[in-house]
PDB file of all heavy atoms in Angstrom:
ATOM      1  N   GLN A   1     133.217  93.265 166.865  1.00  0.00           N
ATOM      2  CA  GLN A   1     133.908  92.418 167.856  1.00  0.00           C
ATOM      3  C   GLN A   1     133.242  92.587 169.222  1.00  0.00           C
ATOM      4  O   GLN A   1     133.222  93.741 169.713  1.00  0.00           O
ATOM      5  CB  GLN A   1     135.373  92.680 167.897  1.00  0.00           C
ATOM      6  CG  GLN A   1     136.094  91.830 168.840  1.00  0.00           C
ATOM      7  CD  GLN A   1     136.229  90.368 168.442  1.00  0.00           C
ATOM      8  OE1 GLN A   1     136.429  90.127 167.248  1.00  0.00           O
ATOM      9  NE2 GLN A   1     135.944  89.474 169.381  1.00  0.00           N
ATOM     10  N   MET A   2     132.723  91.550 169.782  1.00  0.00           N
ATOM     11  CA  MET A   2     132.044  91.640 171.032  1.00  0.00           C
ATOM     12  C   MET A   2     132.804  90.727 172.043  1.00  0.00           C
ATOM     13  O   MET A   2     132.956  89.540 171.831  1.00  0.00           O
ATOM     14  CB  MET A   2     130.605  91.090 170.918  1.00  0.00           C
ATOM     15  CG  MET A   2     129.808  91.822 169.847  1.00  0.00           C
ATOM     16  SD  MET A   2     128.030  91.332 169.765  1.00  0.00           S
ATOM     17  CE  MET A   2     128.250  89.561 169.281  1.00  0.00           C
ATOM     18  N   ASN A   3     133.274  91.383 173.124  1.00  0.00           N
ATOM     19  CA  ASN A   3     134.059  90.700 174.158  1.00  0.00           C
ATOM     20  C   ASN A   3     133.394  90.784 175.489  1.00  0.00           C
ATOM     21  O   ASN A   3     132.504  91.686 175.716  1.00  0.00           O
ATOM     22  CB  ASN A   3     135.405  91.330 174.262  1.00  0.00           C
ATOM     23  CG  ASN A   3     136.253  91.203 173.027  1.00  0.00           C
ATOM     24  OD1 ASN A   3     136.162  90.239 172.292  1.00  0.00           O
ATOM     25  ND2 ASN A   3     137.082  92.223 172.696  1.00  0.00           N
ATOM     26  N   ARG A   4     133.719  89.885 176.409  1.00  0.00           N
ATOM     27  CA  ARG A   4     133.160  89.867 177.765  1.00  0.00           C
ATOM     28  C   ARG A   4     131.634  89.965 177.681  1.00  0.00           C
ATOM     29  O   ARG A   4     131.053  90.744 178.381  1.00  0.00           O
ATOM     30  CB  ARG A   4     133.767  90.981 178.547  1.00  0.00           C
ATOM     31  CG  ARG A   4     135.290  90.881 178.711  1.00  0.00           C
ATOM     32  CD  ARG A   4     135.883  91.854 179.684  1.00  0.00           C
ATOM     33  NE  ARG A   4     135.540  93.225 179.386  1.00  0.00           N
ATOM     34  CZ  ARG A   4     136.107  93.985 178.516  1.00  0.00           C
ATOM     35  NH1 ARG A   4     137.119  93.541 177.750  1.00  0.00           N
ATOM     36  NH2 ARG A   4     135.755  95.240 178.297  1.00  0.00           N
ATOM     37  N   LEU A   5     131.067  89.067 176.896  1.00  0.00           N
ATOM     38  CA  LEU A   5     129.606  89.074 176.706  1.00  0.00           C
ATOM     39  C   LEU A   5     128.823  88.817 177.928  1.00  0.00           C
ATOM     40  O   LEU A   5     129.282  87.972 178.810  1.00  0.00           O
ATOM     41  CB  LEU A   5     129.239  88.144 175.571  1.00  0.00           C
ATOM     42  CG  LEU A   5     129.563  88.584 174.167  1.00  0.00           C
ATOM     43  CD1 LEU A   5     129.595  87.434 173.218  1.00  0.00           C
ATOM     44  CD2 LEU A   5     128.510  89.662 173.728  1.00  0.00           C
ATOM     45  N   LYS A   6     127.700  89.379 178.104  1.00  0.00           N
ATOM     46  CA  LYS A   6     126.802  89.271 179.209  1.00  0.00           C
ATOM     47  C   LYS A   6     125.484  88.691 178.774  1.00  0.00           C
ATOM     48  O   LYS A   6     125.058  88.879 177.599  1.00  0.00           O
ATOM     49  CB  LYS A   6     126.626  90.586 179.879  1.00  0.00           C
ATOM     50  CG  LYS A   6     127.891  91.237 180.360  1.00  0.00           C
ATOM     51  CD  LYS A   6     127.644  92.670 180.979  1.00  0.00           C
ATOM     52  CE  LYS A   6     128.920  93.302 181.398  1.00  0.00           C
ATOM     53  NZ  LYS A   6     128.624  94.675 181.960  1.00  0.00           N
ATOM     54  N   PRO A   7     124.705  88.081 179.637  1.00  0.00           N
ATOM     55  CA  PRO A   7     123.397  87.546 179.273  1.00  0.00           C
ATOM     56  C   PRO A   7     122.470  88.680 178.659  1.00  0.00           C
ATOM     57  O   PRO A   7     121.664  88.374 177.761  1.00  0.00           O
ATOM     58  CB  PRO A   7     122.790  87.030 180.530  1.00  0.00           C
ATOM     59  CG  PRO A   7     124.029  86.573 181.258  1.00  0.00           C
ATOM     60  CD  PRO A   7     125.062  87.623 181.003  1.00  0.00           C
ATOM     61  N   GLU A   8     122.566  89.907 179.152  1.00  0.00           N
ATOM     62  CA  GLU A   8     121.750  90.965 178.660  1.00  0.00           C
ATOM     63  C   GLU A   8     122.122  91.400 177.250  1.00  0.00           C
ATOM     64  O   GLU A   8     121.430  92.210 176.631  1.00  0.00           O
ATOM     65  CB  GLU A   8     121.753  92.193 179.615  1.00  0.00           C
ATOM     66  CG  GLU A   8     123.149  92.725 179.902  1.00  0.00           C
ATOM     67  CD  GLU A   8     123.669  92.180 181.252  1.00  0.00           C
ATOM     68  OE1 GLU A   8     123.503  90.985 181.534  1.00  0.00           O
ATOM     69  OE2 GLU A   8     124.348  92.978 182.016  1.00  0.00           O
ATOM     70  N   ASP A   9     123.225  90.871 176.669  1.00  0.00           N
ATOM     71  CA  ASP A   9     123.590  91.120 175.289  1.00  0.00           C
ATOM     72  C   ASP A   9     122.768  90.248 174.332  1.00  0.00           C
ATOM     73  O   ASP A   9     122.875  90.419 173.087  1.00  0.00           O
ATOM     74  CB  ASP A   9     125.069  90.926 175.079  1.00  0.00           C
ATOM     75  CG  ASP A   9     125.943  91.908 175.816  1.00  0.00           C
ATOM     76  OD1 ASP A   9     125.527  93.113 175.885  1.00  0.00           O
ATOM     77  OD2 ASP A   9     127.012  91.481 176.297  1.00  0.00           O
ATOM     78  N   THR A  10     122.063  89.289 174.883  1.00  0.00           N
ATOM     79  CA  THR A  10     121.217  88.383 174.010  1.00  0.00           C
ATOM     80  C   THR A  10     120.227  89.159 173.214  1.00  0.00           C
ATOM     81  O   THR A  10     119.453  89.924 173.780  1.00  0.00           O
ATOM     82  CB  THR A  10     120.613  87.346 174.884  1.00  0.00           C
ATOM     83  OG1 THR A  10     121.517  86.466 175.531  1.00  0.00           O
ATOM     84  CG2 THR A  10     119.649  86.449 174.026  1.00  0.00           C
ATOM     85  N   ALA A  11     120.273  89.019 171.870  1.00  0.00           N
ATOM     86  CA  ALA A  11     119.381  89.785 170.980  1.00  0.00           C
ATOM     87  C   ALA A  11     119.646  89.339 169.548  1.00  0.00           C
ATOM     88  O   ALA A  11     120.660  88.649 169.239  1.00  0.00           O
ATOM     89  CB  ALA A  11     119.670  91.284 171.095  1.00  0.00           C
ATOM     90  N   VAL A  12     118.728  89.757 168.684  1.00  0.00           N
ATOM     91  CA  VAL A  12     119.061  89.700 167.238  1.00  0.00           C
ATOM     92  C   VAL A  12     119.795  90.991 166.847  1.00  0.00           C
ATOM     93  O   VAL A  12     119.327  92.091 167.146  1.00  0.00           O
ATOM     94  CB  VAL A  12     117.770  89.552 166.382  1.00  0.00           C
ATOM     95  CG1 VAL A  12     118.067  89.503 164.925  1.00  0.00           C
ATOM     96  CG2 VAL A  12     117.033  88.268 166.813  1.00  0.00           C
ATOM     97  N   TYR A  13     120.922  90.827 166.199  1.00  0.00           N
ATOM     98  CA  TYR A  13     121.723  91.910 165.759  1.00  0.00           C
ATOM     99  C   TYR A  13     121.575  92.187 164.280  1.00  0.00           C
ATOM    100  O   TYR A  13     121.694  91.244 163.475  1.00  0.00           O
ATOM    101  CB  TYR A  13     123.222  91.647 166.102  1.00  0.00           C
ATOM    102  CG  TYR A  13     123.521  91.774 167.583  1.00  0.00           C
ATOM    103  CD1 TYR A  13     123.050  90.839 168.509  1.00  0.00           C
ATOM    104  CD2 TYR A  13     124.262  92.824 168.080  1.00  0.00           C
ATOM    105  CE1 TYR A  13     123.343  90.944 169.892  1.00  0.00           C
ATOM    106  CE2 TYR A  13     124.488  92.956 169.448  1.00  0.00           C
ATOM    107  CZ  TYR A  13     124.072  92.028 170.287  1.00  0.00           C
ATOM    108  OH  TYR A  13     124.346  92.152 171.658  1.00  0.00           O
ATOM    109  N   TYR A  14     121.310  93.436 163.903  1.00  0.00           N
ATOM    110  CA  TYR A  14     121.082  93.875 162.543  1.00  0.00           C
ATOM    111  C   TYR A  14     122.178  94.850 162.114  1.00  0.00           C
ATOM    112  O   TYR A  14     122.572  95.748 162.922  1.00  0.00           O
ATOM    113  CB  TYR A  14     119.731  94.531 162.368  1.00  0.00           C
ATOM    114  CG  TYR A  14     118.543  93.673 162.773  1.00  0.00           C
ATOM    115  CD1 TYR A  14     118.045  93.653 164.087  1.00  0.00           C
ATOM    116  CD2 TYR A  14     117.894  92.854 161.845  1.00  0.00           C
ATOM    117  CE1 TYR A  14     117.002  92.869 164.472  1.00  0.00           C
ATOM    118  CE2 TYR A  14     116.823  92.144 162.213  1.00  0.00           C
ATOM    119  CZ  TYR A  14     116.384  92.125 163.483  1.00  0.00           C
ATOM    120  OH  TYR A  14     115.292  91.325 163.861  1.00  0.00           O
ATOM    121  N   CYS A  15     122.541  94.820 160.887  1.00  0.00           N
ATOM    122  CA  CYS A  15     123.440  95.910 160.351  1.00  0.00           C
ATOM    123  C   CYS A  15     122.575  96.678 159.332  1.00  0.00           C
ATOM    124  O   CYS A  15     121.786  96.183 158.602  1.00  0.00           O
ATOM    125  CB  CYS A  15     124.668  95.377 159.725  1.00  0.00           C
ATOM    126  SG  CYS A  15     124.495  94.218 158.378  1.00  0.00           S
ATOM    127  N   GLY A  16     122.809  98.040 159.324  1.00  0.00           N
ATOM    128  CA  GLY A  16     122.189  98.884 158.375  1.00  0.00           C
ATOM    129  C   GLY A  16     123.169  99.886 157.718  1.00  0.00           C
ATOM    130  O   GLY A  16     124.238 100.135 158.303  1.00  0.00           O
ATOM    131  N   ALA A  17     122.790 100.389 156.527  1.00  0.00           N
ATOM    132  CA  ALA A  17     123.643 101.318 155.775  1.00  0.00           C
ATOM    133  C   ALA A  17     122.951 102.612 155.655  1.00  0.00           C
ATOM    134  O   ALA A  17     121.729 102.698 155.350  1.00  0.00           O
ATOM    135  CB  ALA A  17     123.950 100.707 154.354  1.00  0.00           C
ATOM    136  N   LEU A  18     123.686 103.706 155.936  1.00  0.00           N
ATOM    137  CA  LEU A  18     123.188 105.058 155.918  1.00  0.00           C
ATOM    138  C   LEU A  18     124.032 105.923 154.981  1.00  0.00           C
ATOM    139  O   LEU A  18     125.217 105.999 155.191  1.00  0.00           O
ATOM    140  CB  LEU A  18     123.242 105.667 157.322  1.00  0.00           C
ATOM    141  CG  LEU A  18     122.836 107.078 157.512  1.00  0.00           C
ATOM    142  CD1 LEU A  18     121.426 107.411 157.132  1.00  0.00           C
ATOM    143  CD2 LEU A  18     123.112 107.510 158.967  1.00  0.00           C
ATOM    144  N   SER A  19     123.381 106.558 153.986  1.00  0.00           N
ATOM    145  CA  SER A  19     124.119 107.369 153.084  1.00  0.00           C
ATOM    146  C   SER A  19     124.591 108.641 153.758  1.00  0.00           C
ATOM    147  O   SER A  19     123.965 109.163 154.674  1.00  0.00           O
ATOM    148  CB  SER A  19     123.305 107.693 151.839  1.00  0.00           C
ATOM    149  OG  SER A  19     122.140 108.476 152.132  1.00  0.00           O
ATOM    150  N   GLY A  20     125.757 109.168 153.328  1.00  0.00           N
ATOM    151  CA  GLY A  20     126.226 110.401 153.877  1.00  0.00           C
ATOM    152  C   GLY A  20     127.437 110.181 154.860  1.00  0.00           C
ATOM    153  O   GLY A  20     127.964 109.039 154.943  1.00  0.00           O
ATOM    154  N   TRP A  21     127.836 111.229 155.487  1.00  0.00           N
ATOM    155  CA  TRP A  21     129.063 111.265 156.313  1.00  0.00           C
ATOM    156  C   TRP A  21     128.827 110.847 157.764  1.00  0.00           C
ATOM    157  O   TRP A  21     129.725 110.367 158.379  1.00  0.00           O
ATOM    158  CB  TRP A  21     129.686 112.712 156.263  1.00  0.00           C
ATOM    159  CG  TRP A  21     130.329 112.929 154.944  1.00  0.00           C
ATOM    160  CD1 TRP A  21     129.771 113.585 153.889  1.00  0.00           C
ATOM    161  CD2 TRP A  21     131.674 112.648 154.567  1.00  0.00           C
ATOM    162  NE1 TRP A  21     130.667 113.724 152.885  1.00  0.00           N
ATOM    163  CE2 TRP A  21     131.841 113.109 153.214  1.00  0.00           C
ATOM    164  CE3 TRP A  21     132.785 112.010 155.211  1.00  0.00           C
ATOM    165  CZ2 TRP A  21     133.059 112.989 152.573  1.00  0.00           C
ATOM    166  CZ3 TRP A  21     133.981 111.847 154.458  1.00  0.00           C
ATOM    167  CH2 TRP A  21     134.075 112.355 153.161  1.00  0.00           C
ATOM    168  N   LEU A  22     127.641 111.097 158.289  1.00  0.00           N
ATOM    169  CA  LEU A  22     127.417 111.002 159.733  1.00  0.00           C
ATOM    170  C   LEU A  22     126.711 109.783 160.107  1.00  0.00           C
ATOM    171  O   LEU A  22     125.791 109.284 159.407  1.00  0.00           O
ATOM    172  CB  LEU A  22     126.630 112.258 160.199  1.00  0.00           C
ATOM    173  CG  LEU A  22     127.251 113.627 159.957  1.00  0.00           C
ATOM    174  CD1 LEU A  22     126.364 114.702 160.492  1.00  0.00           C
ATOM    175  CD2 LEU A  22     128.686 113.727 160.617  1.00  0.00           C
ATOM    176  N   CYS A  23     127.029 109.220 161.248  1.00  0.00           N
ATOM    177  CA  CYS A  23     126.325 108.125 161.900  1.00  0.00           C
ATOM    178  C   CYS A  23     125.090 108.618 162.562  1.00  0.00           C
ATOM    179  O   CYS A  23     124.869 109.785 162.811  1.00  0.00           O
ATOM    180  CB  CYS A  23     127.202 107.464 162.916  1.00  0.00           C
ATOM    181  SG  CYS A  23     128.485 106.327 162.307  1.00  0.00           S
ATOM    182  N   SER A  24     124.137 107.637 162.772  1.00  0.00           N
ATOM    183  CA  SER A  24     122.893 107.924 163.427  1.00  0.00           C
ATOM    184  C   SER A  24     122.527 106.705 164.290  1.00  0.00           C
ATOM    185  O   SER A  24     122.758 105.550 163.857  1.00  0.00           O
ATOM    186  CB  SER A  24     121.755 108.245 162.449  1.00  0.00           C
ATOM    187  OG  SER A  24     120.519 108.401 163.103  1.00  0.00           O
ATOM    188  N   ASP A  25     121.872 106.968 165.435  1.00  0.00           N
ATOM    189  CA  ASP A  25     121.290 105.809 166.178  1.00  0.00           C
ATOM    190  C   ASP A  25     119.796 105.760 166.053  1.00  0.00           C
ATOM    191  O   ASP A  25     119.101 105.049 166.784  1.00  0.00           O
ATOM    192  CB  ASP A  25     121.667 105.906 167.713  1.00  0.00           C
ATOM    193  CG  ASP A  25     121.111 107.196 168.376  1.00  0.00           C
ATOM    194  OD1 ASP A  25     120.556 108.053 167.667  1.00  0.00           O
ATOM    195  OD2 ASP A  25     121.337 107.328 169.567  1.00  0.00           O
ATOM    196  N   HIS A  26     119.263 106.427 164.999  1.00  0.00           N
ATOM    197  CA  HIS A  26     117.883 106.399 164.658  1.00  0.00           C
ATOM    198  C   HIS A  26     117.656 105.420 163.490  1.00  0.00           C
ATOM    199  O   HIS A  26     118.101 105.726 162.367  1.00  0.00           O
ATOM    200  CB  HIS A  26     117.303 107.752 164.236  1.00  0.00           C
ATOM    201  CG  HIS A  26     117.298 108.750 165.373  1.00  0.00           C
ATOM    202  ND1 HIS A  26     117.576 110.090 165.194  1.00  0.00           N
ATOM    203  CD2 HIS A  26     117.142 108.593 166.734  1.00  0.00           C
ATOM    204  CE1 HIS A  26     117.577 110.745 166.362  1.00  0.00           C
ATOM    205  NE2 HIS A  26     117.291 109.836 167.318  1.00  0.00           N
ATOM    206  N   ASP A  27     117.039 104.244 163.747  1.00  0.00           N
ATOM    207  CA  ASP A  27     116.940 103.268 162.736  1.00  0.00           C
ATOM    208  C   ASP A  27     116.186 103.659 161.476  1.00  0.00           C
ATOM    209  O   ASP A  27     116.454 103.216 160.376  1.00  0.00           O
ATOM    210  CB  ASP A  27     116.393 101.909 163.310  1.00  0.00           C
ATOM    211  CG  ASP A  27     115.052 102.078 163.928  1.00  0.00           C
ATOM    212  OD1 ASP A  27     114.454 103.154 163.917  1.00  0.00           O
ATOM    213  OD2 ASP A  27     114.579 101.048 164.518  1.00  0.00           O
ATOM    214  N   TYR A  28     115.266 104.617 161.660  1.00  0.00           N
ATOM    215  CA  TYR A  28     114.475 105.077 160.460  1.00  0.00           C
ATOM    216  C   TYR A  28     115.240 105.847 159.464  1.00  0.00           C
ATOM    217  O   TYR A  28     114.777 106.085 158.339  1.00  0.00           O
ATOM    218  CB  TYR A  28     113.220 105.827 160.924  1.00  0.00           C
ATOM    219  CG  TYR A  28     113.519 106.981 161.818  1.00  0.00           C
ATOM    220  CD1 TYR A  28     113.933 108.204 161.301  1.00  0.00           C
ATOM    221  CD2 TYR A  28     113.398 106.918 163.196  1.00  0.00           C
ATOM    222  CE1 TYR A  28     114.196 109.305 162.135  1.00  0.00           C
ATOM    223  CE2 TYR A  28     113.634 107.960 163.972  1.00  0.00           C
ATOM    224  CZ  TYR A  28     114.091 109.204 163.499  1.00  0.00           C
ATOM    225  OH  TYR A  28     114.351 110.252 164.294  1.00  0.00           O
ATOM    226  N   GLU A  29     116.420 106.304 159.811  1.00  0.00           N
ATOM    227  CA  GLU A  29     117.248 107.068 158.860  1.00  0.00           C
ATOM    228  C   GLU A  29     118.093 106.150 157.952  1.00  0.00           C
ATOM    229  O   GLU A  29     118.725 106.659 157.047  1.00  0.00           O
ATOM    230  CB  GLU A  29     118.169 108.039 159.668  1.00  0.00           C
ATOM    231  CG  GLU A  29     117.400 109.096 160.379  1.00  0.00           C
ATOM    232  CD  GLU A  29     118.320 110.156 161.047  1.00  0.00           C
ATOM    233  OE1 GLU A  29     119.575 109.931 161.028  1.00  0.00           O
ATOM    234  OE2 GLU A  29     117.812 111.122 161.572  1.00  0.00           O
ATOM    235  N   TYR A  30     118.136 104.876 158.241  1.00  0.00           N
ATOM    236  CA  TYR A  30     118.957 103.974 157.457  1.00  0.00           C
ATOM    237  C   TYR A  30     118.242 103.552 156.095  1.00  0.00           C
ATOM    238  O   TYR A  30     117.091 103.357 156.111  1.00  0.00           O
ATOM    239  CB  TYR A  30     119.377 102.743 158.249  1.00  0.00           C
ATOM    240  CG  TYR A  30     120.420 103.099 159.237  1.00  0.00           C
ATOM    241  CD1 TYR A  30     120.159 103.889 160.370  1.00  0.00           C
ATOM    242  CD2 TYR A  30     121.756 102.720 159.018  1.00  0.00           C
ATOM    243  CE1 TYR A  30     121.206 104.199 161.267  1.00  0.00           C
ATOM    244  CE2 TYR A  30     122.754 103.034 159.909  1.00  0.00           C
ATOM    245  CZ  TYR A  30     122.524 103.799 161.004  1.00  0.00           C
ATOM    246  OH  TYR A  30     123.536 104.112 161.890  1.00  0.00           O
ATOM    247  N   ASP A  31     119.043 103.462 155.113  1.00  0.00           N
ATOM    248  CA  ASP A  31     118.545 103.117 153.750  1.00  0.00           C
ATOM    249  C   ASP A  31     118.385 101.643 153.515  1.00  0.00           C
ATOM    250  O   ASP A  31     117.429 101.242 152.822  1.00  0.00           O
ATOM    251  CB  ASP A  31     119.526 103.690 152.703  1.00  0.00           C
ATOM    252  CG  ASP A  31     119.662 105.226 152.818  1.00  0.00           C
ATOM    253  OD1 ASP A  31     118.719 105.923 152.465  1.00  0.00           O
ATOM    254  OD2 ASP A  31     120.743 105.667 153.273  1.00  0.00           O
ATOM    255  N   TYR A  32     119.289 100.788 154.019  1.00  0.00           N
ATOM    256  CA  TYR A  32     119.276  99.397 153.748  1.00  0.00           C
ATOM    257  C   TYR A  32     119.529  98.655 155.068  1.00  0.00           C
ATOM    258  O   TYR A  32     120.252  99.157 155.954  1.00  0.00           O
ATOM    259  CB  TYR A  32     120.395  99.003 152.766  1.00  0.00           C
ATOM    260  CG  TYR A  32     120.347  99.836 151.467  1.00  0.00           C
ATOM    261  CD1 TYR A  32     121.489 100.602 151.120  1.00  0.00           C
ATOM    262  CD2 TYR A  32     119.294  99.856 150.651  1.00  0.00           C
ATOM    263  CE1 TYR A  32     121.487 101.357 149.930  1.00  0.00           C
ATOM    264  CE2 TYR A  32     119.296 100.581 149.492  1.00  0.00           C
ATOM    265  CZ  TYR A  32     120.401 101.318 149.136  1.00  0.00           C
ATOM    266  OH  TYR A  32     120.370 102.039 147.968  1.00  0.00           O
ATOM    267  N   TRP A  33     118.986  97.443 155.130  1.00  0.00           N
ATOM    268  CA  TRP A  33     119.062  96.595 156.259  1.00  0.00           C
ATOM    269  C   TRP A  33     119.394  95.124 155.873  1.00  0.00           C
ATOM    270  O   TRP A  33     118.976  94.613 154.929  1.00  0.00           O
ATOM    271  CB  TRP A  33     117.814  96.600 157.093  1.00  0.00           C
ATOM    272  CG  TRP A  33     117.535  97.831 157.799  1.00  0.00           C
ATOM    273  CD1 TRP A  33     116.780  98.939 157.357  1.00  0.00           C
ATOM    274  CD2 TRP A  33     118.080  98.225 159.091  1.00  0.00           C
ATOM    275  NE1 TRP A  33     116.835  99.929 158.335  1.00  0.00           N
ATOM    276  CE2 TRP A  33     117.593  99.501 159.315  1.00  0.00           C
ATOM    277  CE3 TRP A  33     118.931  97.612 159.969  1.00  0.00           C
ATOM    278  CZ2 TRP A  33     117.930 100.195 160.529  1.00  0.00           C
ATOM    279  CZ3 TRP A  33     119.268  98.286 161.143  1.00  0.00           C
ATOM    280  CH2 TRP A  33     118.752  99.581 161.422  1.00  0.00           C
ATOM    281  N   GLY A  34     120.211  94.467 156.765  1.00  0.00           N
ATOM    282  CA  GLY A  34     120.394  93.046 156.717  1.00  0.00           C
ATOM    283  C   GLY A  34     119.337  92.329 157.437  1.00  0.00           C
ATOM    284  O   GLY A  34     118.417  92.913 158.126  1.00  0.00           O
TER     285      GLY A  34
END
């Protein structure tokens, strides 16, 4: 959910799936991508 959007939010948004318990902000650790 994205509220109060700003022009700098303009981008292509991707979702990815990562096995295990912990989140990561390193895209190379993700197993699957939309």
